[in-house]
N, C-alpha and C. Protein backbone atom coordinates (compact mmCIF):
# COMPACT_ATOMS: atom_id res chain seq x y z
N MET A 1 11.41 -7.21 -20.72
CA MET A 1 10.19 -6.77 -20.06
C MET A 1 10.25 -7.18 -18.59
N LYS A 2 9.78 -6.29 -17.72
CA LYS A 2 9.76 -6.56 -16.28
C LYS A 2 8.31 -6.46 -15.80
N ILE A 3 7.85 -7.55 -15.17
CA ILE A 3 6.48 -7.61 -14.65
C ILE A 3 6.51 -8.02 -13.18
N ALA A 4 5.77 -7.29 -12.38
CA ALA A 4 5.65 -7.60 -10.96
C ALA A 4 4.37 -8.39 -10.71
N ILE A 5 4.48 -9.39 -9.85
CA ILE A 5 3.33 -10.18 -9.43
C ILE A 5 3.15 -9.90 -7.94
N VAL A 6 2.03 -9.28 -7.59
CA VAL A 6 1.77 -8.89 -6.20
C VAL A 6 0.56 -9.69 -5.70
N ASN A 7 0.76 -10.35 -4.57
CA ASN A 7 -0.30 -11.19 -3.99
C ASN A 7 -0.63 -10.73 -2.58
N GLY A 8 -1.91 -10.78 -2.27
CA GLY A 8 -2.41 -10.32 -0.99
C GLY A 8 -2.59 -11.41 0.05
N PRO A 9 -3.48 -11.17 1.00
CA PRO A 9 -3.61 -12.01 2.18
C PRO A 9 -4.01 -13.45 1.86
N ASN A 10 -3.39 -14.33 2.61
CA ASN A 10 -3.64 -15.77 2.59
C ASN A 10 -3.12 -16.47 1.34
N MET A 11 -2.55 -15.72 0.41
CA MET A 11 -2.01 -16.36 -0.80
C MET A 11 -0.78 -17.21 -0.46
N ASN A 12 -0.14 -16.92 0.66
CA ASN A 12 0.98 -17.74 1.11
C ASN A 12 0.54 -19.14 1.52
N LEU A 13 -0.77 -19.35 1.67
CA LEU A 13 -1.30 -20.66 2.07
C LEU A 13 -1.82 -21.47 0.89
N LEU A 14 -1.63 -20.98 -0.32
CA LEU A 14 -2.11 -21.73 -1.49
C LEU A 14 -1.54 -23.14 -1.47
N GLY A 15 -2.36 -24.07 -1.91
CA GLY A 15 -1.97 -25.48 -1.90
C GLY A 15 -2.40 -26.18 -0.64
N ARG A 16 -2.61 -25.43 0.42
CA ARG A 16 -3.07 -25.99 1.70
C ARG A 16 -4.45 -25.48 2.07
N ARG A 17 -4.73 -24.24 1.74
CA ARG A 17 -5.98 -23.58 2.13
C ARG A 17 -7.07 -23.83 1.10
N GLN A 18 -8.14 -24.43 1.49
CA GLN A 18 -9.32 -24.66 0.67
C GLN A 18 -8.96 -25.04 -0.78
N PRO A 19 -8.30 -26.18 -0.97
CA PRO A 19 -7.90 -26.58 -2.33
C PRO A 19 -9.10 -26.78 -3.27
N GLU A 20 -10.27 -27.05 -2.71
CA GLU A 20 -11.46 -27.20 -3.55
C GLU A 20 -11.86 -25.87 -4.21
N ILE A 21 -11.42 -24.76 -3.64
CA ILE A 21 -11.69 -23.44 -4.22
C ILE A 21 -10.47 -22.90 -4.95
N TYR A 22 -9.30 -23.02 -4.33
CA TYR A 22 -8.10 -22.35 -4.85
C TYR A 22 -7.11 -23.28 -5.55
N GLY A 23 -7.36 -24.58 -5.54
CA GLY A 23 -6.48 -25.53 -6.19
C GLY A 23 -5.36 -26.00 -5.28
N CYS A 24 -4.53 -26.87 -5.83
CA CYS A 24 -3.46 -27.52 -5.06
C CYS A 24 -2.08 -26.93 -5.29
N ARG A 25 -1.98 -26.01 -6.23
CA ARG A 25 -0.68 -25.42 -6.52
C ARG A 25 -0.33 -24.35 -5.48
N THR A 26 0.93 -24.31 -5.11
CA THR A 26 1.40 -23.30 -4.16
C THR A 26 1.78 -22.03 -4.92
N LEU A 27 1.95 -20.96 -4.18
CA LEU A 27 2.40 -19.71 -4.79
C LEU A 27 3.77 -19.91 -5.44
N HIS A 28 4.61 -20.67 -4.78
CA HIS A 28 5.94 -20.97 -5.34
C HIS A 28 5.80 -21.73 -6.66
N ASP A 29 4.89 -22.69 -6.73
CA ASP A 29 4.64 -23.42 -7.99
C ASP A 29 4.24 -22.46 -9.11
N ILE A 30 3.38 -21.52 -8.78
CA ILE A 30 2.92 -20.55 -9.79
C ILE A 30 4.08 -19.68 -10.26
N GLU A 31 4.92 -19.25 -9.33
CA GLU A 31 6.08 -18.43 -9.68
C GLU A 31 7.02 -19.20 -10.61
N LEU A 32 7.31 -20.45 -10.29
CA LEU A 32 8.19 -21.28 -11.13
C LEU A 32 7.58 -21.46 -12.52
N SER A 33 6.29 -21.71 -12.57
CA SER A 33 5.59 -21.90 -13.84
C SER A 33 5.69 -20.65 -14.73
N LEU A 34 5.51 -19.48 -14.12
CA LEU A 34 5.62 -18.24 -14.89
C LEU A 34 7.03 -18.04 -15.44
N ARG A 35 8.02 -18.32 -14.63
CA ARG A 35 9.41 -18.18 -15.08
C ARG A 35 9.70 -19.13 -16.26
N GLU A 36 9.14 -20.34 -16.19
CA GLU A 36 9.34 -21.31 -17.27
C GLU A 36 8.60 -20.90 -18.54
N GLU A 37 7.36 -20.44 -18.39
CA GLU A 37 6.54 -20.09 -19.54
C GLU A 37 7.01 -18.81 -20.23
N PHE A 38 7.56 -17.88 -19.46
CA PHE A 38 7.98 -16.59 -20.00
C PHE A 38 9.45 -16.32 -19.65
N PRO A 39 10.38 -17.06 -20.29
CA PRO A 39 11.79 -16.91 -19.93
C PRO A 39 12.37 -15.53 -20.23
N GLY A 40 11.74 -14.78 -21.13
CA GLY A 40 12.23 -13.46 -21.47
C GLY A 40 11.73 -12.35 -20.57
N VAL A 41 10.90 -12.70 -19.59
CA VAL A 41 10.35 -11.71 -18.67
C VAL A 41 11.11 -11.75 -17.36
N ASP A 42 11.46 -10.58 -16.88
CA ASP A 42 12.08 -10.44 -15.56
C ASP A 42 10.93 -10.25 -14.56
N PHE A 43 10.70 -11.26 -13.72
CA PHE A 43 9.60 -11.20 -12.75
C PHE A 43 10.07 -10.73 -11.39
N LEU A 44 9.23 -9.93 -10.75
CA LEU A 44 9.40 -9.55 -9.35
C LEU A 44 8.18 -10.10 -8.62
N PHE A 45 8.39 -10.85 -7.55
CA PHE A 45 7.28 -11.46 -6.81
C PHE A 45 7.20 -10.87 -5.40
N PHE A 46 5.98 -10.61 -4.97
CA PHE A 46 5.75 -10.04 -3.64
C PHE A 46 4.44 -10.59 -3.10
N GLN A 47 4.42 -10.93 -1.82
CA GLN A 47 3.20 -11.36 -1.15
C GLN A 47 3.19 -10.78 0.25
N SER A 48 2.02 -10.28 0.67
CA SER A 48 1.87 -9.80 2.04
C SER A 48 0.44 -9.98 2.49
N ASN A 49 0.29 -10.23 3.76
CA ASN A 49 -1.02 -10.29 4.39
C ASN A 49 -1.47 -8.91 4.87
N SER A 50 -0.61 -7.92 4.72
CA SER A 50 -0.87 -6.58 5.23
C SER A 50 -1.27 -5.61 4.12
N GLU A 51 -2.39 -4.95 4.30
CA GLU A 51 -2.87 -3.97 3.32
C GLU A 51 -1.85 -2.85 3.09
N GLY A 52 -1.30 -2.32 4.16
CA GLY A 52 -0.34 -1.24 4.05
C GLY A 52 0.92 -1.65 3.30
N ALA A 53 1.36 -2.87 3.51
CA ALA A 53 2.55 -3.36 2.80
C ALA A 53 2.28 -3.47 1.30
N ILE A 54 1.06 -3.86 0.94
CA ILE A 54 0.70 -3.95 -0.48
C ILE A 54 0.66 -2.56 -1.10
N VAL A 55 0.09 -1.60 -0.40
CA VAL A 55 0.06 -0.22 -0.88
C VAL A 55 1.49 0.28 -1.07
N SER A 56 2.33 0.06 -0.09
CA SER A 56 3.73 0.50 -0.19
C SER A 56 4.46 -0.16 -1.35
N GLU A 57 4.20 -1.45 -1.57
CA GLU A 57 4.84 -2.16 -2.68
C GLU A 57 4.37 -1.63 -4.02
N LEU A 58 3.09 -1.36 -4.16
CA LEU A 58 2.58 -0.78 -5.42
C LEU A 58 3.23 0.57 -5.69
N GLN A 59 3.35 1.40 -4.66
CA GLN A 59 4.00 2.70 -4.83
C GLN A 59 5.47 2.53 -5.20
N ARG A 60 6.15 1.59 -4.54
CA ARG A 60 7.56 1.34 -4.84
C ARG A 60 7.73 0.87 -6.29
N LEU A 61 6.87 -0.06 -6.71
CA LEU A 61 6.94 -0.56 -8.08
C LEU A 61 6.63 0.55 -9.09
N GLY A 62 5.71 1.42 -8.72
CA GLY A 62 5.31 2.50 -9.62
C GLY A 62 6.36 3.56 -9.82
N TYR A 63 7.15 3.84 -8.78
CA TYR A 63 8.05 4.98 -8.87
C TYR A 63 9.51 4.70 -8.54
N ASP A 64 9.79 3.66 -7.78
CA ASP A 64 11.16 3.45 -7.32
C ASP A 64 11.85 2.24 -7.92
N GLU A 65 11.12 1.36 -8.54
CA GLU A 65 11.70 0.16 -9.17
C GLU A 65 11.81 0.43 -10.66
N PRO A 66 13.01 0.60 -11.17
CA PRO A 66 13.16 0.96 -12.57
C PRO A 66 12.65 -0.12 -13.53
N GLY A 67 11.97 0.33 -14.56
CA GLY A 67 11.64 -0.54 -15.67
C GLY A 67 10.47 -1.48 -15.50
N VAL A 68 9.63 -1.31 -14.50
CA VAL A 68 8.47 -2.18 -14.35
C VAL A 68 7.45 -1.80 -15.42
N ASP A 69 7.12 -2.77 -16.27
CA ASP A 69 6.21 -2.52 -17.38
C ASP A 69 4.75 -2.76 -17.03
N GLY A 70 4.49 -3.60 -16.05
CA GLY A 70 3.13 -3.90 -15.66
C GLY A 70 3.10 -4.71 -14.37
N ILE A 71 1.91 -4.77 -13.79
CA ILE A 71 1.73 -5.45 -12.50
C ILE A 71 0.52 -6.36 -12.59
N VAL A 72 0.70 -7.59 -12.12
CA VAL A 72 -0.40 -8.53 -11.95
C VAL A 72 -0.71 -8.53 -10.46
N LEU A 73 -1.95 -8.25 -10.10
CA LEU A 73 -2.32 -8.10 -8.69
C LEU A 73 -3.45 -9.03 -8.31
N ASN A 74 -3.18 -9.90 -7.35
CA ASN A 74 -4.23 -10.68 -6.70
C ASN A 74 -4.34 -10.09 -5.30
N ALA A 75 -5.22 -9.13 -5.15
CA ALA A 75 -5.39 -8.46 -3.86
C ALA A 75 -6.19 -9.32 -2.88
N ALA A 76 -6.65 -10.48 -3.33
CA ALA A 76 -7.41 -11.41 -2.50
C ALA A 76 -8.57 -10.66 -1.83
N ALA A 77 -8.79 -10.88 -0.55
CA ALA A 77 -9.94 -10.28 0.13
C ALA A 77 -9.92 -8.75 0.12
N TYR A 78 -8.73 -8.16 -0.01
CA TYR A 78 -8.66 -6.70 -0.06
C TYR A 78 -9.30 -6.14 -1.34
N THR A 79 -9.50 -6.98 -2.33
CA THR A 79 -10.19 -6.57 -3.56
C THR A 79 -11.53 -5.92 -3.24
N HIS A 80 -12.20 -6.47 -2.24
CA HIS A 80 -13.57 -6.10 -1.94
C HIS A 80 -13.70 -5.02 -0.87
N THR A 81 -12.56 -4.63 -0.28
CA THR A 81 -12.63 -3.72 0.86
C THR A 81 -11.66 -2.54 0.84
N SER A 82 -10.66 -2.57 -0.04
CA SER A 82 -9.57 -1.61 0.12
C SER A 82 -9.59 -0.45 -0.87
N LEU A 83 -10.06 0.69 -0.39
CA LEU A 83 -9.92 1.92 -1.17
C LEU A 83 -8.46 2.34 -1.23
N ALA A 84 -7.69 2.00 -0.21
CA ALA A 84 -6.28 2.37 -0.19
C ALA A 84 -5.53 1.69 -1.33
N ILE A 85 -5.80 0.42 -1.59
CA ILE A 85 -5.15 -0.27 -2.70
C ILE A 85 -5.64 0.30 -4.03
N ALA A 86 -6.93 0.57 -4.14
CA ALA A 86 -7.46 1.20 -5.36
C ALA A 86 -6.78 2.54 -5.61
N ASP A 87 -6.62 3.33 -4.58
CA ASP A 87 -5.95 4.63 -4.73
C ASP A 87 -4.49 4.46 -5.14
N ALA A 88 -3.81 3.45 -4.59
CA ALA A 88 -2.42 3.21 -4.96
C ALA A 88 -2.31 2.82 -6.44
N ILE A 89 -3.24 2.01 -6.91
CA ILE A 89 -3.24 1.63 -8.33
C ILE A 89 -3.45 2.87 -9.19
N SER A 90 -4.37 3.72 -8.78
CA SER A 90 -4.65 4.96 -9.53
C SER A 90 -3.45 5.89 -9.59
N ALA A 91 -2.60 5.80 -8.59
CA ALA A 91 -1.47 6.74 -8.48
C ALA A 91 -0.24 6.33 -9.27
N ILE A 92 -0.21 5.10 -9.78
CA ILE A 92 1.00 4.65 -10.47
C ILE A 92 0.78 4.60 -11.99
N PRO A 93 1.86 4.74 -12.75
CA PRO A 93 1.69 4.82 -14.21
C PRO A 93 1.52 3.47 -14.92
N GLN A 94 1.94 2.37 -14.31
CA GLN A 94 1.90 1.08 -14.99
C GLN A 94 0.48 0.50 -15.01
N PRO A 95 0.17 -0.28 -16.05
CA PRO A 95 -1.10 -1.00 -16.06
C PRO A 95 -1.08 -2.12 -15.02
N VAL A 96 -2.22 -2.31 -14.37
CA VAL A 96 -2.38 -3.36 -13.37
C VAL A 96 -3.51 -4.27 -13.84
N VAL A 97 -3.25 -5.58 -13.83
CA VAL A 97 -4.28 -6.55 -14.17
C VAL A 97 -4.67 -7.28 -12.88
N GLU A 98 -5.94 -7.21 -12.56
CA GLU A 98 -6.50 -7.87 -11.37
C GLU A 98 -6.75 -9.34 -11.70
N VAL A 99 -6.30 -10.24 -10.81
CA VAL A 99 -6.55 -11.67 -11.01
C VAL A 99 -7.12 -12.31 -9.75
N HIS A 100 -7.91 -13.36 -9.98
CA HIS A 100 -8.45 -14.19 -8.89
C HIS A 100 -8.50 -15.62 -9.37
N LEU A 101 -8.03 -16.54 -8.54
CA LEU A 101 -8.03 -17.96 -8.90
C LEU A 101 -9.45 -18.49 -9.07
N SER A 102 -10.32 -18.11 -8.16
CA SER A 102 -11.71 -18.59 -8.21
C SER A 102 -12.57 -17.62 -9.01
N ASN A 103 -13.73 -18.11 -9.40
CA ASN A 103 -14.69 -17.24 -10.08
C ASN A 103 -15.43 -16.46 -8.99
N VAL A 104 -14.98 -15.25 -8.74
CA VAL A 104 -15.55 -14.47 -7.65
C VAL A 104 -17.03 -14.17 -7.86
N TYR A 105 -17.49 -14.21 -9.10
CA TYR A 105 -18.89 -13.91 -9.40
C TYR A 105 -19.81 -15.08 -9.10
N ALA A 106 -19.24 -16.24 -8.82
CA ALA A 106 -20.03 -17.42 -8.46
C ALA A 106 -19.95 -17.70 -6.96
N ARG A 107 -19.40 -16.76 -6.22
CA ARG A 107 -19.21 -16.95 -4.78
C ARG A 107 -20.12 -16.02 -3.99
N GLU A 108 -19.78 -15.78 -2.75
CA GLU A 108 -20.60 -14.94 -1.87
C GLU A 108 -20.79 -13.55 -2.48
N GLU A 109 -21.90 -12.94 -2.13
CA GLU A 109 -22.25 -11.62 -2.67
C GLU A 109 -21.13 -10.59 -2.50
N ILE A 110 -20.51 -10.56 -1.32
CA ILE A 110 -19.47 -9.56 -1.06
C ILE A 110 -18.28 -9.71 -2.01
N ARG A 111 -18.01 -10.93 -2.47
CA ARG A 111 -16.88 -11.17 -3.36
C ARG A 111 -17.18 -10.78 -4.81
N ARG A 112 -18.40 -10.43 -5.09
CA ARG A 112 -18.78 -10.06 -6.46
C ARG A 112 -18.50 -8.60 -6.78
N ARG A 113 -18.11 -7.84 -5.77
CA ARG A 113 -17.81 -6.42 -5.98
C ARG A 113 -16.32 -6.17 -5.77
N SER A 114 -15.71 -5.59 -6.77
CA SER A 114 -14.29 -5.27 -6.70
C SER A 114 -14.13 -3.76 -6.63
N LEU A 115 -13.45 -3.29 -5.60
CA LEU A 115 -13.15 -1.86 -5.50
C LEU A 115 -11.96 -1.49 -6.37
N ILE A 116 -11.17 -2.50 -6.79
CA ILE A 116 -9.99 -2.19 -7.59
C ILE A 116 -10.23 -2.32 -9.09
N ALA A 117 -11.25 -3.07 -9.51
CA ALA A 117 -11.49 -3.28 -10.94
C ALA A 117 -11.60 -1.99 -11.75
N PRO A 118 -12.29 -0.97 -11.24
CA PRO A 118 -12.42 0.26 -12.04
C PRO A 118 -11.10 0.97 -12.34
N VAL A 119 -10.06 0.69 -11.57
CA VAL A 119 -8.78 1.36 -11.79
C VAL A 119 -7.72 0.42 -12.38
N CYS A 120 -8.13 -0.80 -12.71
CA CYS A 120 -7.23 -1.77 -13.33
C CYS A 120 -7.43 -1.78 -14.84
N ALA A 121 -6.42 -2.23 -15.55
CA ALA A 121 -6.51 -2.35 -17.01
C ALA A 121 -7.48 -3.46 -17.40
N GLY A 122 -7.62 -4.47 -16.54
CA GLY A 122 -8.51 -5.58 -16.80
C GLY A 122 -8.54 -6.52 -15.61
N SER A 123 -9.48 -7.46 -15.67
CA SER A 123 -9.65 -8.44 -14.60
C SER A 123 -9.82 -9.83 -15.19
N ILE A 124 -9.19 -10.81 -14.55
CA ILE A 124 -9.29 -12.20 -14.98
C ILE A 124 -9.56 -13.05 -13.75
N SER A 125 -10.62 -13.87 -13.80
CA SER A 125 -10.91 -14.72 -12.65
C SER A 125 -11.49 -16.05 -13.10
N GLY A 126 -11.36 -17.03 -12.21
CA GLY A 126 -12.04 -18.29 -12.38
C GLY A 126 -11.30 -19.38 -13.11
N PHE A 127 -10.07 -19.16 -13.50
CA PHE A 127 -9.32 -20.16 -14.26
C PHE A 127 -8.16 -20.75 -13.47
N GLY A 128 -8.26 -20.71 -12.14
CA GLY A 128 -7.19 -21.25 -11.31
C GLY A 128 -5.88 -20.52 -11.55
N ALA A 129 -4.79 -21.25 -11.41
CA ALA A 129 -3.46 -20.65 -11.53
C ALA A 129 -3.20 -20.07 -12.91
N ALA A 130 -3.96 -20.50 -13.91
CA ALA A 130 -3.79 -19.98 -15.28
C ALA A 130 -4.06 -18.48 -15.37
N VAL A 131 -4.76 -17.91 -14.38
CA VAL A 131 -5.04 -16.47 -14.45
C VAL A 131 -3.76 -15.64 -14.48
N TYR A 132 -2.72 -16.13 -13.82
CA TYR A 132 -1.45 -15.38 -13.80
C TYR A 132 -0.84 -15.35 -15.21
N SER A 133 -0.81 -16.49 -15.85
CA SER A 133 -0.28 -16.57 -17.21
C SER A 133 -1.10 -15.71 -18.17
N LEU A 134 -2.41 -15.77 -18.05
CA LEU A 134 -3.28 -14.96 -18.91
C LEU A 134 -3.03 -13.46 -18.69
N ALA A 135 -2.82 -13.08 -17.45
CA ALA A 135 -2.56 -11.67 -17.15
C ALA A 135 -1.21 -11.22 -17.71
N VAL A 136 -0.21 -12.06 -17.59
CA VAL A 136 1.10 -11.72 -18.17
C VAL A 136 0.97 -11.57 -19.67
N ARG A 137 0.25 -12.48 -20.32
CA ARG A 137 0.03 -12.38 -21.77
C ARG A 137 -0.66 -11.05 -22.12
N ALA A 138 -1.61 -10.65 -21.29
CA ALA A 138 -2.30 -9.39 -21.54
C ALA A 138 -1.35 -8.20 -21.45
N LEU A 139 -0.39 -8.28 -20.54
CA LEU A 139 0.55 -7.18 -20.36
C LEU A 139 1.64 -7.15 -21.43
N ILE A 140 1.96 -8.32 -21.94
CA ILE A 140 2.98 -8.38 -22.99
C ILE A 140 2.39 -7.84 -24.27
């Protein structure tokens, strides 16, 4: 099985940025943990602060990367603003699971609305780094 993990803006700062909200684990820590927990899964990891790069990566994973069975997407702040990412998800055949480290429904009003949730297979939030593992389990 091949699963892509796509992360959006500021996720490269995990472990340093607002640890009281996002925890102390780095993106690299999360990647290592997933590889250890799911040794039979071939993971592809991608992170960008650019909306266009995320759209391009989703399209690439959907049509040009052979054998991708599913995508775990933490679009971060773009979750609440990006019709382009929502459209990219709609355009690809693989299921996409939306994840967020924090409980977005317990935060600012703007973070309670997801433009991508309606086109995702499911959404998981509020369980810290465990959301990635839960999403992979959902895709398996």
